Protein backbone atom coordinates (compact mmCIF):
# COMPACT_ATOMS: atom_id res chain seq x y z
CA MET A 1 121.34 92.83 130.70
CA PHE A 2 122.50 92.15 126.85
CA GLU A 3 120.49 95.55 125.41
CA PRO A 4 121.75 95.67 121.23
CA SER A 5 119.98 98.57 120.60
CA VAL A 6 120.54 100.99 123.10
CA LYS A 7 122.61 104.01 121.82
CA GLN A 8 125.89 105.03 122.46
CA THR A 9 125.15 108.36 123.87
CA THR A 10 122.99 106.00 126.45
CA ILE A 11 126.12 103.96 127.06
CA ASN A 12 128.28 106.89 127.99
CA TRP A 13 125.91 108.56 130.73
CA ARG A 14 125.80 104.63 132.62
CA ILE A 15 129.73 104.74 132.74
CA TYR A 16 129.57 108.55 134.13
CA SER A 17 126.92 107.92 135.99
CA LEU A 18 128.68 104.82 138.11
CA VAL A 19 131.46 106.92 137.34
CA GLN A 20 130.27 109.83 139.53
CA ALA A 21 128.88 107.65 141.98
CA GLY A 22 132.41 105.51 142.73
CA ILE A 23 131.49 102.73 141.34
CA ILE A 24 134.01 102.29 138.62
CA SER A 25 136.54 104.60 138.00
CA ARG A 26 138.70 105.22 134.77
CA ILE A 27 142.32 103.49 133.85
CA GLY A 28 142.46 104.96 131.22
CA ARG A 29 140.48 105.55 127.37
CA GLY A 30 137.98 102.55 127.57
CA LYS A 31 139.32 101.43 130.20
CA TYR A 32 137.80 100.87 133.94
CA THR A 33 137.82 99.43 137.27
CA LEU A 34 135.24 98.38 139.79
CA GLY A 35 135.42 100.99 142.73
CA LYS A 36 136.79 104.48 143.65
CA ASP A 37 139.88 105.14 142.78
CA ARG A 38 142.75 103.91 145.07
CA ILE A 39 145.98 106.50 144.96
CA PHE A 40 149.20 105.10 145.55
CA LEU A 41 150.88 108.13 148.42
CA PRO A 42 154.56 107.84 148.86
CA LEU A 43 155.66 108.87 152.60
CA ILE A 44 157.39 112.01 153.14
CA SER A 45 159.96 112.30 155.49
CA SER A 46 161.07 114.99 157.53
CA SER A 47 164.60 114.33 155.88
CA LEU A 48 163.22 114.10 152.22
CA LYS A 49 160.81 117.14 152.88
CA LYS A 50 163.53 119.19 154.24
CA THR A 51 166.23 117.87 151.21
CA TYR A 52 162.85 119.16 148.67
CA THR A 53 162.25 122.69 150.48
CA LYS A 54 166.04 123.15 150.37
CA LEU A 55 166.18 122.62 146.50
CA HIS A 56 163.27 124.63 146.19
CA ASN A 57 164.42 127.55 147.80
CA GLN A 58 167.20 127.94 146.07
CA PHE A 59 165.89 127.04 142.21
CA PRO A 60 162.11 128.05 142.79
CA TYR A 61 161.31 127.88 139.42
CA LEU A 62 162.76 123.94 138.56
CA HIS A 63 160.97 121.17 138.52
CA ILE A 64 161.62 118.62 140.62
CA CYS A 65 160.88 115.21 141.87
CA ILE A 66 162.03 113.59 145.00
CA TRP A 67 160.87 109.83 146.51
CA ASN A 68 163.07 107.71 148.45
CA THR A 69 163.32 103.27 147.47
CA SER A 70 161.37 102.31 151.03
CA ALA A 71 158.24 103.55 149.08
CA ILE A 72 158.77 100.34 146.87
CA ASN A 73 158.77 98.07 149.97
CA GLU A 74 155.24 98.06 150.36
CA PHE A 75 155.24 96.10 146.67
CA MET A 76 158.24 93.61 147.27
CA LEU A 77 158.74 90.18 149.53
CA HIS A 78 162.43 90.80 149.94
CA GLN A 79 162.96 93.49 151.36
CA PRO A 80 166.08 95.71 150.88
CA GLY A 81 167.98 96.89 153.52
CA ILE A 82 169.26 100.15 152.09
CA PHE A 83 167.84 102.52 149.99
CA PHE A 84 167.95 105.94 147.93
CA THR A 85 166.69 109.10 147.66
CA ILE A 86 165.87 110.16 143.53
CA VAL A 87 166.18 113.86 142.71
CA GLU A 88 165.08 114.31 139.85
CA VAL A 89 165.25 117.86 137.72
CA GLU A 90 165.21 119.13 134.21
CA ARG A 91 168.36 118.55 132.38
CA ASP A 92 169.72 121.37 132.17
CA ALA A 93 169.78 121.88 135.96
CA VAL A 94 171.00 118.43 136.59
CA ASP A 95 174.48 120.25 136.81
CA GLY A 96 173.35 123.13 139.12
CA VAL A 97 171.46 120.58 141.81
CA PHE A 98 174.51 117.87 141.80
CA TYR A 99 177.52 120.38 142.93
CA PHE A 100 174.67 123.04 145.48
CA LEU A 101 173.83 119.60 147.38
CA LYS A 102 177.47 118.13 147.05
CA ALA A 103 178.59 121.34 149.19
CA SER A 104 176.47 120.16 151.66
CA ARG A 105 176.57 116.55 152.05
CA GLN A 106 179.20 113.96 150.42
CA ASN A 107 176.81 111.07 149.80
CA VAL A 108 175.37 112.64 146.62
CA LEU A 109 176.04 110.39 143.31
CA LEU A 110 174.70 112.26 139.48
CA ASN A 111 173.77 109.88 136.60
CA PRO A 112 175.50 106.50 138.64
CA SER A 113 175.96 103.88 136.23
CA ALA A 114 175.90 99.78 137.29
CA GLU A 115 179.20 100.65 138.14
CA ILE A 116 179.58 103.15 140.39
CA PHE A 117 176.20 102.88 141.56
CA SER A 118 176.51 99.40 142.61
CA ARG A 119 180.72 100.46 144.30
CA TYR A 120 178.96 103.51 146.72
CA ALA A 121 175.47 103.41 146.69
CA ASP A 122 175.61 100.41 148.53
CA GLN A 123 178.29 101.20 151.22
CA GLN A 124 176.40 104.17 151.68
CA LYS A 125 173.05 105.37 154.39
CA ASP A 126 170.88 108.27 152.65
CA THR A 127 172.70 108.62 149.11
CA LEU A 128 171.00 111.16 147.23
CA VAL A 129 170.98 109.89 143.10
CA VAL A 130 170.23 113.23 141.32
CA ARG A 131 169.43 112.26 138.02
CA SER A 132 167.18 114.11 134.25
CA LEU A 133 163.81 113.75 134.59
CA VAL A 134 162.24 112.91 131.56
CA SER A 135 159.70 115.34 130.58
CA GLU A 136 156.18 115.21 131.34
CA ALA A 137 156.51 112.78 134.07
CA PRO A 138 153.77 111.66 135.90
CA THR A 139 154.27 113.28 139.33
CA GLN A 140 152.10 114.49 142.01
CA LYS A 141 152.40 116.86 145.15
CA VAL A 142 152.20 115.08 148.51
CA ASN A 143 152.51 117.78 151.47
CA ALA A 144 153.25 120.30 149.11
CA VAL A 145 156.50 118.03 147.91
CA GLN A 146 156.51 116.92 144.18
CA THR A 147 157.12 113.57 144.36
CA THR A 148 156.36 110.10 142.26
CA THR A 149 152.95 108.47 141.39
CA LEU A 150 152.51 104.80 141.28
CA GLU A 151 152.52 105.43 136.92
CA LYS A 152 155.63 106.67 137.50
CA LEU A 153 157.57 104.22 139.47
CA LEU A 154 156.47 101.34 138.30
CA VAL A 155 158.08 102.13 134.67
CA ASP A 156 161.16 103.45 136.15
CA ILE A 157 161.98 99.90 138.07
CA PHE A 158 161.21 98.53 134.87
CA CYS A 159 163.29 100.42 132.66
CA ASP A 160 166.53 101.47 135.12
CA GLU A 161 167.98 98.64 135.86
CA SER A 162 171.42 99.00 137.35
CA ILE A 163 169.82 101.97 140.20
CA PHE A 164 166.75 98.91 140.36
CA SER A 165 168.75 95.88 140.75
CA ALA A 166 167.15 94.96 144.23
CA GLN A 167 164.00 94.92 142.23
CA GLN A 168 164.13 92.66 139.37
CA GLY A 169 163.33 89.72 138.17
CA SER A 170 160.03 87.72 139.72
CA GLU A 171 160.94 90.58 142.59
CA MET A 172 159.33 93.16 139.87
CA SER A 173 156.80 91.08 138.44
CA THR A 174 155.74 90.57 142.56
CA ILE A 175 155.74 94.40 142.43
CA PHE A 176 153.95 95.18 139.99
CA ARG A 177 151.05 92.25 140.68
CA GLU A 178 150.63 94.30 144.65
CA ALA A 179 151.01 97.77 142.91
CA TYR A 180 147.93 96.57 140.64
CA SER A 181 146.06 94.79 143.63
CA ARG A 182 146.39 97.50 146.54
CA TYR A 183 146.05 100.65 144.74
CA THR A 184 144.30 102.10 141.32
CA VAL A 185 146.62 102.34 138.26
CA HIS A 186 145.88 104.77 135.71
CA GLU A 187 147.21 102.46 132.35
CA ASN A 188 147.12 105.56 129.78
CA ARG A 189 149.00 107.72 131.59
CA MET A 190 151.59 104.54 132.65
CA MET A 191 151.90 103.80 129.02
CA ARG A 192 152.68 107.24 128.04
CA TYR A 193 156.04 107.61 130.67
CA ALA A 194 157.14 104.57 129.21
CA ASP A 195 156.37 105.02 125.46
CA ARG A 196 158.56 109.01 126.95
CA ARG A 197 161.33 106.50 128.02
CA ASN A 198 160.66 104.27 124.88
CA LYS A 199 159.82 101.40 126.51
CA LYS A 200 156.34 100.90 125.54
CA THR A 201 156.34 97.97 123.36
CA GLU A 202 158.29 96.09 126.26
CA LEU A 203 156.54 97.08 128.97
CA GLU A 204 153.15 95.96 126.90
CA LYS A 205 154.85 93.24 126.85
CA PHE A 206 155.81 92.00 130.42
CA LEU A 207 152.14 93.43 131.24
CA ASN A 208 150.41 91.06 129.05
CA ASN A 209 152.73 88.04 130.14
CA PHE A 210 151.02 88.52 133.53
CA ILE A 211 147.26 88.93 132.53
CA ILE A 212 147.93 92.55 133.63
CA LEU A 213 146.26 94.09 131.11
CA GLN A 214 143.06 92.46 129.56
């Protein structure tokens, strides 16, 4: 029913009631979607947790984000055969973390260029890619491991063509559509992170082309 004279306080209370009842959920400032939040929780394998625990014990005060690219597979049409683990830490600690990991395993790459990445990562299993963690990146804790959120995952795929070459082109469009259909995507959070990566305008254009943002 259309009520032109309804007060803003009444509207706010009705929205609040709908959110509390799980009928709608907030996805951004003034934006809502039907139903409760459907939160994306990437799988935390035993090897991933082992690596995170090892790093956390060595660098207890360091902000670490770790995840495996196999987490993208549920959104993809064409499944890649090789996965790798991304370890992101604060910029000042990147070198220290790299050499710490390199001391116990060979397949570790530090901020690899597209050429280096394609030369080595595609030929080895369980490659670790160590790189800088963008400040204020949206992360979450799953099974005691600090890992990626869906919003961060999507922005990273959009921004890093060299590392996520298998997820570009039409595959990236599929990934975004599947992510939006399966989970709640918090657009404000995603856009803030895209802005930190200087890709906000480009991402907005990309999303609007596929009528994801209204």
